[in-house]
Amino acid sequence: MPCNARHAVVTGASTGIGRATALRLCRDGFHVFATVRRDTDGQSLRQAAPGQLDWLLMDVTDTDQIAEVAPGDPRPRRPGRA
C-alpha cells in the first residue's frame, strides 16, 4: 500500500526559525515531528497546529537524548559508508 502522507522532522522548533518552519510545513500539508527543549514549547506548537504535529522533548546537541529517541550510533555518516 503506497503512503501518500508527507512527513517532516524539524529540530530546534521551540522558537525562531525552527518554530516558523514547523508551522509553515503544517500549513503546507505536512505532518511534522518537532524537537523542542521545553514542554511548554511543544504544547504551544501542538495548539498552533492541532492534529498535524507531534513533538519530542530533546536537545539535539545531547547524543544520549538522541540515542533514546533513535537508537543506534548518532554520529553522522558519510554517503556510501555503513
PDB file of N, CA and C in Angstrom:
ATOM      1  N   MET A   1       0.848  -1.171   0.000  1.00  0.00           N
ATOM      2  CA  MET A   1       0.000   0.000   0.000  1.00  0.00           C
ATOM      3  C   MET A   1       0.898   1.239   0.000  1.00  0.00           C
ATOM      4  N   PRO A   2       0.754   2.139  -0.967  1.00  0.00           N
ATOM      5  CA  PRO A   2       1.592   3.334  -1.011  1.00  0.00           C
ATOM      6  C   PRO A   2       1.207   4.321   0.094  1.00  0.00           C
ATOM      7  N   CYS A   3       2.204   5.053   0.548  1.00  0.00           N
ATOM      8  CA  CYS A   3       1.978   6.081   1.568  1.00  0.00           C
ATOM      9  C   CYS A   3       1.961   7.434   0.872  1.00  0.00           C
ATOM     10  N   ASN A   4       0.827   8.101   0.927  1.00  0.00           N
ATOM     11  CA  ASN A   4       0.695   9.399   0.279  1.00  0.00           C
ATOM     12  C   ASN A   4       0.898  10.553   1.247  1.00  0.00           C
ATOM     13  N   ALA A   5       1.121  10.247   2.510  1.00  0.00           N
ATOM     14  CA  ALA A   5       1.310  11.303   3.507  1.00  0.00           C
ATOM     15  C   ALA A   5       2.703  11.891   3.385  1.00  0.00           C
ATOM     16  N   ARG A   6       2.805  13.160   3.689  1.00  0.00           N
ATOM     17  CA  ARG A   6       4.106  13.828   3.705  1.00  0.00           C
ATOM     18  C   ARG A   6       4.458  14.113   5.158  1.00  0.00           C
ATOM     19  N   HIS A   7       5.695  13.786   5.505  1.00  0.00           N
ATOM     20  CA  HIS A   7       6.174  13.972   6.870  1.00  0.00           C
ATOM     21  C   HIS A   7       7.461  14.778   6.856  1.00  0.00           C
ATOM     22  N   ALA A   8       7.701  15.489   7.960  1.00  0.00           N
ATOM     23  CA  ALA A   8       8.944  16.248   8.094  1.00  0.00           C
ATOM     24  C   ALA A   8       9.396  16.194   9.550  1.00  0.00           C
ATOM     25  N   VAL A   9      10.700  16.276   9.741  1.00  0.00           N
ATOM     26  CA  VAL A   9      11.286  16.388  11.070  1.00  0.00           C
ATOM     27  C   VAL A   9      11.945  17.746  11.152  1.00  0.00           C
ATOM     28  N   VAL A  10      11.616  18.502  12.199  1.00  0.00           N
ATOM     29  CA  VAL A  10      12.206  19.821  12.406  1.00  0.00           C
ATOM     30  C   VAL A  10      12.848  19.839  13.781  1.00  0.00           C
ATOM     31  N   THR A  11      14.149  20.087  13.821  1.00  0.00           N
ATOM     32  CA  THR A  11      14.832  20.219  15.104  1.00  0.00           C
ATOM     33  C   THR A  11      14.876  21.693  15.495  1.00  0.00           C
ATOM     34  N   GLY A  12      14.965  21.938  16.782  1.00  0.00           N
ATOM     35  CA  GLY A  12      15.036  23.322  17.252  1.00  0.00           C
ATOM     36  C   GLY A  12      13.755  24.096  17.010  1.00  0.00           C
ATOM     37  N   ALA A  13      12.619  23.422  17.196  1.00  0.00           N
ATOM     38  CA  ALA A  13      11.325  24.043  16.883  1.00  0.00           C
ATOM     39  C   ALA A  13      10.736  24.841  18.049  1.00  0.00           C
ATOM     40  N   SER A  14      11.493  25.046  19.098  1.00  0.00           N
ATOM     41  CA  SER A  14      10.973  25.796  20.249  1.00  0.00           C
ATOM     42  C   SER A  14      10.676  27.247  19.897  1.00  0.00           C
ATOM     43  N   THR A  15      11.583  27.873  19.148  1.00  0.00           N
ATOM     44  CA  THR A  15      11.445  29.304  18.845  1.00  0.00           C
ATOM     45  C   THR A  15      12.034  29.612  17.478  1.00  0.00           C
ATOM     46  N   GLY A  16      11.870  30.828  17.068  1.00  0.00           N
ATOM     47  CA  GLY A  16      12.550  31.363  15.898  1.00  0.00           C
ATOM     48  C   GLY A  16      12.270  30.633  14.598  1.00  0.00           C
ATOM     49  N   ILE A  17      13.339  30.437  13.836  1.00  0.00           N
ATOM     50  CA  ILE A  17      13.222  29.836  12.508  1.00  0.00           C
ATOM     51  C   ILE A  17      12.690  28.412  12.593  1.00  0.00           C
ATOM     52  N   GLY A  18      13.117  27.646  13.590  1.00  0.00           N
ATOM     53  CA  GLY A  18      12.640  26.272  13.730  1.00  0.00           C
ATOM     54  C   GLY A  18      11.140  26.215  13.947  1.00  0.00           C
ATOM     55  N   ARG A  19      10.630  27.075  14.818  1.00  0.00           N
ATOM     56  CA  ARG A  19       9.185  27.119  15.071  1.00  0.00           C
ATOM     57  C   ARG A  19       8.437  27.547  13.814  1.00  0.00           C
ATOM     58  N   ALA A  20       8.925  28.591  13.168  1.00  0.00           N
ATOM     59  CA  ALA A  20       8.267  29.091  11.959  1.00  0.00           C
ATOM     60  C   ALA A  20       8.270  28.027  10.865  1.00  0.00           C
ATOM     61  N   THR A  21       9.368  27.293  10.738  1.00  0.00           N
ATOM     62  CA  THR A  21       9.461  26.242   9.731  1.00  0.00           C
ATOM     63  C   THR A  21       8.463  25.123  10.010  1.00  0.00           C
ATOM     64  N   ALA A  22       8.397  24.697  11.270  1.00  0.00           N
ATOM     65  CA  ALA A  22       7.453  23.628  11.635  1.00  0.00           C
ATOM     66  C   ALA A  22       6.023  24.035  11.321  1.00  0.00           C
ATOM     67  N   LEU A  23       5.647  25.248  11.688  1.00  0.00           N
ATOM     68  CA  LEU A  23       4.270  25.698  11.457  1.00  0.00           C
ATOM     69  C   LEU A  23       3.990  25.888   9.967  1.00  0.00           C
ATOM     70  N   ARG A  24       4.968  26.354   9.212  1.00  0.00           N
ATOM     71  CA  ARG A  24       4.785  26.525   7.759  1.00  0.00           C
ATOM     72  C   ARG A  24       4.580  25.167   7.085  1.00  0.00           C
ATOM     73  N   LEU A  25       5.379  24.184   7.497  1.00  0.00           N
ATOM     74  CA  LEU A  25       5.217  22.848   6.926  1.00  0.00           C
ATOM     75  C   LEU A  25       3.836  22.284   7.237  1.00  0.00           C
ATOM     76  N   CYS A  26       3.337  22.533   8.441  1.00  0.00           N
ATOM     77  CA  CYS A  26       1.986  22.087   8.792  1.00  0.00           C
ATOM     78  C   CYS A  26       0.958  22.745   7.879  1.00  0.00           C
ATOM     79  N   ARG A  27       1.100  24.044   7.671  1.00  0.00           N
ATOM     80  CA  ARG A  27       0.171  24.757   6.779  1.00  0.00           C
ATOM     81  C   ARG A  27       0.242  24.220   5.353  1.00  0.00           C
ATOM     82  N   ASP A  28       1.421  23.723   4.969  1.00  0.00           N
ATOM     83  CA  ASP A  28       1.600  23.190   3.616  1.00  0.00           C
ATOM     84  C   ASP A  28       1.199  21.721   3.503  1.00  0.00           C
ATOM     85  N   GLY A  29       0.602  21.166   4.565  1.00  0.00           N
ATOM     86  CA  GLY A  29       0.058  19.816   4.493  1.00  0.00           C
ATOM     87  C   GLY A  29       0.946  18.707   5.023  1.00  0.00           C
ATOM     88  N   PHE A  30       2.070  19.037   5.607  1.00  0.00           N
ATOM     89  CA  PHE A  30       2.946  18.020   6.180  1.00  0.00           C
ATOM     90  C   PHE A  30       2.514  17.672   7.596  1.00  0.00           C
ATOM     91  N   HIS A  31       2.780  16.443   8.000  1.00  0.00           N
ATOM     92  CA  HIS A  31       2.702  16.084   9.412  1.00  0.00           C
ATOM     93  C   HIS A  31       4.115  16.242   9.937  1.00  0.00           C
ATOM     94  N   VAL A  32       4.282  17.062  10.967  1.00  0.00           N
ATOM     95  CA  VAL A  32       5.606  17.432  11.449  1.00  0.00           C
ATOM     96  C   VAL A  32       5.917  16.758  12.775  1.00  0.00           C
ATOM     97  N   PHE A  33       7.137  16.257  12.870  1.00  0.00           N
ATOM     98  CA  PHE A  33       7.702  15.774  14.124  1.00  0.00           C
ATOM     99  C   PHE A  33       8.745  16.810  14.520  1.00  0.00           C
ATOM    100  N   ALA A  34       8.512  17.504  15.626  1.00  0.00           N
ATOM    101  CA  ALA A  34       9.361  18.621  16.017  1.00  0.00           C
ATOM    102  C   ALA A  34      10.061  18.340  17.338  1.00  0.00           C
ATOM    103  N   THR A  35      11.339  18.731  17.427  1.00  0.00           N
ATOM    104  CA  THR A  35      12.039  18.620  18.702  1.00  0.00           C
ATOM    105  C   THR A  35      12.047  19.989  19.368  1.00  0.00           C
ATOM    106  N   VAL A  36      11.797  19.969  20.660  1.00  0.00           N
ATOM    107  CA  VAL A  36      11.788  21.190  21.465  1.00  0.00           C
ATOM    108  C   VAL A  36      12.554  20.935  22.755  1.00  0.00           C
ATOM    109  N   ARG A  37      12.977  22.001  23.413  1.00  0.00           N
ATOM    110  CA  ARG A  37      13.713  21.854  24.671  1.00  0.00           C
ATOM    111  C   ARG A  37      12.820  21.971  25.897  1.00  0.00           C
ATOM    112  N   ARG A  38      11.657  22.577  25.727  1.00  0.00           N
ATOM    113  CA  ARG A  38      10.760  22.775  26.869  1.00  0.00           C
ATOM    114  C   ARG A  38       9.370  22.217  26.560  1.00  0.00           C
ATOM    115  N   ASP A  39       8.788  21.598  27.553  1.00  0.00           N
ATOM    116  CA  ASP A  39       7.451  21.018  27.432  1.00  0.00           C
ATOM    117  C   ASP A  39       6.435  22.055  26.966  1.00  0.00           C
ATOM    118  N   THR A  40       6.528  23.257  27.513  1.00  0.00           N
ATOM    119  CA  THR A  40       5.558  24.306  27.153  1.00  0.00           C
ATOM    120  C   THR A  40       5.663  24.690  25.676  1.00  0.00           C
ATOM    121  N   ASP A  41       6.857  24.607  25.107  1.00  0.00           N
ATOM    122  CA  ASP A  41       7.020  24.918  23.675  1.00  0.00           C
ATOM    123  C   ASP A  41       6.321  23.870  22.813  1.00  0.00           C
ATOM    124  N   GLY A  42       6.431  22.609  23.208  1.00  0.00           N
ATOM    125  CA  GLY A  42       5.746  21.551  22.471  1.00  0.00           C
ATOM    126  C   GLY A  42       4.242  21.693  22.529  1.00  0.00           C
ATOM    127  N   GLN A  43       3.741  22.020  23.708  1.00  0.00           N
ATOM    128  CA  GLN A  43       2.298  22.207  23.862  1.00  0.00           C
ATOM    129  C   GLN A  43       1.809  23.381  23.024  1.00  0.00           C
ATOM    130  N   SER A  44       2.593  24.447  22.991  1.00  0.00           N
ATOM    131  CA  SER A  44       2.229  25.622  22.198  1.00  0.00           C
ATOM    132  C   SER A  44       2.197  25.301  20.706  1.00  0.00           C
ATOM    133  N   LEU A  45       3.174  24.537  20.238  1.00  0.00           N
ATOM    134  CA  LEU A  45       3.184  24.130  18.833  1.00  0.00           C
ATOM    135  C   LEU A  45       1.967  23.281  18.494  1.00  0.00           C
ATOM    136  N   ARG A  46       1.662  22.334  19.370  1.00  0.00           N
ATOM    137  CA  ARG A  46       0.515  21.452  19.109  1.00  0.00           C
ATOM    138  C   ARG A  46      -0.784  22.263  19.056  1.00  0.00           C
ATOM    139  N   GLN A  47      -0.908  23.273  19.895  1.00  0.00           N
ATOM    140  CA  GLN A  47      -2.111  24.120  19.869  1.00  0.00           C
ATOM    141  C   GLN A  47      -2.183  24.926  18.579  1.00  0.00           C
ATOM    142  N   ALA A  48      -1.022  25.327  18.062  1.00  0.00           N
ATOM    143  CA  ALA A  48      -0.988  26.124  16.837  1.00  0.00           C
ATOM    144  C   ALA A  48      -1.262  25.281  15.590  1.00  0.00           C
ATOM    145  N   ALA A  49      -1.028  23.962  15.683  1.00  0.00           N
ATOM    146  CA  ALA A  49      -1.231  23.075  14.533  1.00  0.00           C
ATOM    147  C   ALA A  49      -1.858  21.767  15.005  1.00  0.00           C
ATOM    148  N   PRO A  50      -3.084  21.815  15.510  1.00  0.00           N
ATOM    149  CA  PRO A  50      -3.701  20.599  16.052  1.00  0.00           C
ATOM    150  C   PRO A  50      -3.838  19.492  15.012  1.00  0.00           C
ATOM    151  N   GLY A  51      -3.441  18.282  15.421  1.00  0.00           N
ATOM    152  CA  GLY A  51      -3.567  17.128  14.544  1.00  0.00           C
ATOM    153  C   GLY A  51      -2.505  17.020  13.463  1.00  0.00           C
ATOM    154  N   GLN A  52      -1.628  18.002  13.362  1.00  0.00           N
ATOM    155  CA  GLN A  52      -0.622  17.995  12.305  1.00  0.00           C
ATOM    156  C   GLN A  52       0.800  17.927  12.842  1.00  0.00           C
ATOM    157  N   LEU A  53       0.953  17.888  14.168  1.00  0.00           N
ATOM    158  CA  LEU A  53       2.288  17.987  14.728  1.00  0.00           C
ATOM    159  C   LEU A  53       2.421  17.113  15.966  1.00  0.00           C
ATOM    160  N   ASP A  54       3.525  16.383  16.034  1.00  0.00           N
ATOM    161  CA  ASP A  54       3.917  15.666  17.243  1.00  0.00           C
ATOM    162  C   ASP A  54       5.258  16.230  17.668  1.00  0.00           C
ATOM    163  N   TRP A  55       5.455  16.358  18.963  1.00  0.00           N
ATOM    164  CA  TRP A  55       6.712  16.936  19.419  1.00  0.00           C
ATOM    165  C   TRP A  55       7.435  15.998  20.375  1.00  0.00           C
ATOM    166  N   LEU A  56       8.753  16.154  20.389  1.00  0.00           N
ATOM    167  CA  LEU A  56       9.632  15.379  21.248  1.00  0.00           C
ATOM    168  C   LEU A  56      10.470  16.345  22.071  1.00  0.00           C
ATOM    169  N   LEU A  57      10.552  16.090  23.352  1.00  0.00           N
ATOM    170  CA  LEU A  57      11.401  16.885  24.225  1.00  0.00           C
ATOM    171  C   LEU A  57      12.820  16.365  24.061  1.00  0.00           C
ATOM    172  N   MET A  58      13.675  17.152  23.406  1.00  0.00           N
ATOM    173  CA  MET A  58      15.021  16.671  23.119  1.00  0.00           C
ATOM    174  C   MET A  58      15.951  17.827  22.783  1.00  0.00           C
ATOM    175  N   ASP A  59      17.162  17.739  23.312  1.00  0.00           N
ATOM    176  CA  ASP A  59      18.244  18.657  22.957  1.00  0.00           C
ATOM    177  C   ASP A  59      19.114  17.922  21.950  1.00  0.00           C
ATOM    178  N   VAL A  60      19.116  18.372  20.704  1.00  0.00           N
ATOM    179  CA  VAL A  60      19.830  17.644  19.662  1.00  0.00           C
ATOM    180  C   VAL A  60      21.343  17.747  19.793  1.00  0.00           C
ATOM    181  N   THR A  61      21.839  18.544  20.730  1.00  0.00           N
ATOM    182  CA  THR A  61      23.282  18.577  20.977  1.00  0.00           C
ATOM    183  C   THR A  61      23.697  17.528  22.006  1.00  0.00           C
ATOM    184  N   ASP A  62      22.728  16.798  22.554  1.00  0.00           N
ATOM    185  CA  ASP A  62      22.989  15.773  23.567  1.00  0.00           C
ATOM    186  C   ASP A  62      22.808  14.394  22.931  1.00  0.00           C
ATOM    187  N   THR A  63      23.916  13.701  22.636  1.00  0.00           N
ATOM    188  CA  THR A  63      23.835  12.419  21.939  1.00  0.00           C
ATOM    189  C   THR A  63      23.101  11.356  22.746  1.00  0.00           C
ATOM    190  N   ASP A  64      23.114  11.460  24.075  1.00  0.00           N
ATOM    191  CA  ASP A  64      22.363  10.497  24.884  1.00  0.00           C
ATOM    192  C   ASP A  64      20.864  10.650  24.653  1.00  0.00           C
ATOM    193  N   GLN A  65      20.392  11.889  24.553  1.00  0.00           N
ATOM    194  CA  GLN A  65      18.974  12.113  24.283  1.00  0.00           C
ATOM    195  C   GLN A  65      18.600  11.636  22.884  1.00  0.00           C
ATOM    196  N   ILE A  66      19.470  11.847  21.921  1.00  0.00           N
ATOM    197  CA  ILE A  66      19.208  11.378  20.559  1.00  0.00           C
ATOM    198  C   ILE A  66      19.104   9.854  20.553  1.00  0.00           C
ATOM    199  N   ALA A  67      20.003   9.189  21.250  1.00  0.00           N
ATOM    200  CA  ALA A  67      20.010   7.728  21.289  1.00  0.00           C
ATOM    201  C   ALA A  67      18.740   7.173  21.926  1.00  0.00           C
ATOM    202  N   GLU A  68      18.160   7.897  22.872  1.00  0.00           N
ATOM    203  CA  GLU A  68      16.904   7.452  23.487  1.00  0.00           C
ATOM    204  C   GLU A  68      15.767   7.466  22.477  1.00  0.00           C
ATOM    205  N   VAL A  69      15.770   8.442  21.603  1.00  0.00           N
ATOM    206  CA  VAL A  69      14.694   8.592  20.620  1.00  0.00           C
ATOM    207  C   VAL A  69      14.945   7.730  19.389  1.00  0.00           C
ATOM    208  N   ALA A  70      16.174   7.693  18.942  1.00  0.00           N
ATOM    209  CA  ALA A  70      16.539   6.939  17.733  1.00  0.00           C
ATOM    210  C   ALA A  70      17.752   6.073  18.053  1.00  0.00           C
ATOM    211  N   PRO A  71      17.523   4.875  18.592  1.00  0.00           N
ATOM    212  CA  PRO A  71      18.650   4.029  18.979  1.00  0.00           C
ATOM    213  C   PRO A  71      19.600   3.769  17.814  1.00  0.00           C
ATOM    214  N   GLY A  72      20.847   3.661  18.143  1.00  0.00           N
ATOM    215  CA  GLY A  72      21.888   3.440  17.140  1.00  0.00           C
ATOM    216  C   GLY A  72      22.986   4.463  17.326  1.00  0.00           C
ATOM    217  N   ASP A  73      23.925   4.471  16.451  1.00  0.00           N
ATOM    218  CA  ASP A  73      25.054   5.381  16.524  1.00  0.00           C
ATOM    219  C   ASP A  73      24.628   6.753  16.007  1.00  0.00           C
ATOM    220  N   PRO A  74      24.610   7.791  16.860  1.00  0.00           N
ATOM    221  CA  PRO A  74      24.125   9.111  16.426  1.00  0.00           C
ATOM    222  C   PRO A  74      25.132   9.910  15.593  1.00  0.00           C
ATOM    223  N   ARG A  75      26.344   9.372  15.415  1.00  0.00           N
ATOM    224  CA  ARG A  75      27.340  10.124  14.646  1.00  0.00           C
ATOM    225  C   ARG A  75      26.952  10.162  13.173  1.00  0.00           C
ATOM    226  N   PRO A  76      27.180  11.308  12.517  1.00  0.00           N
ATOM    227  CA  PRO A  76      26.852  11.391  11.087  1.00  0.00           C
ATOM    228  C   PRO A  76      27.700  10.436  10.276  1.00  0.00           C
ATOM    229  N   ARG A  77      27.155   9.947   9.205  1.00  0.00           N
ATOM    230  CA  ARG A  77      27.858   9.030   8.310  1.00  0.00           C
ATOM    231  C   ARG A  77      28.066   9.717   6.960  1.00  0.00           C
ATOM    232  N   ARG A  78      29.155   9.393   6.357  1.00  0.00           N
ATOM    233  CA  ARG A  78      29.410   9.909   5.014  1.00  0.00           C
ATOM    234  C   ARG A  78      28.627   9.082   4.014  1.00  0.00           C
ATOM    235  N   PRO A  79      28.160   9.702   2.931  1.00  0.00           N
ATOM    236  CA  PRO A  79      27.433   8.946   1.907  1.00  0.00           C
ATOM    237  C   PRO A  79      28.256   7.753   1.435  1.00  0.00           C
ATOM    238  N   GLY A  80      27.601   6.625   1.274  1.00  0.00           N
ATOM    239  CA  GLY A  80      28.250   5.434   0.772  1.00  0.00           C
ATOM    240  C   GLY A  80      28.985   4.620   1.817  1.00  0.00           C
ATOM    241  N   ARG A  81      28.946   5.052   3.084  1.00  0.00           N
ATOM    242  CA  ARG A  81      29.619   4.310   4.142  1.00  0.00           C
ATOM    243  C   ARG A  81      28.590   3.762   5.103  1.00  0.00           C
ATOM    244  N   ALA A  82      28.844   2.575   5.593  1.00  0.00           N
ATOM    245  CA  ALA A  82      27.935   1.935   6.542  1.00  0.00           C
ATOM    246  C   ALA A  82      28.242   2.384   7.944  1.00  0.00           C
TER     247      ALA A  82
END
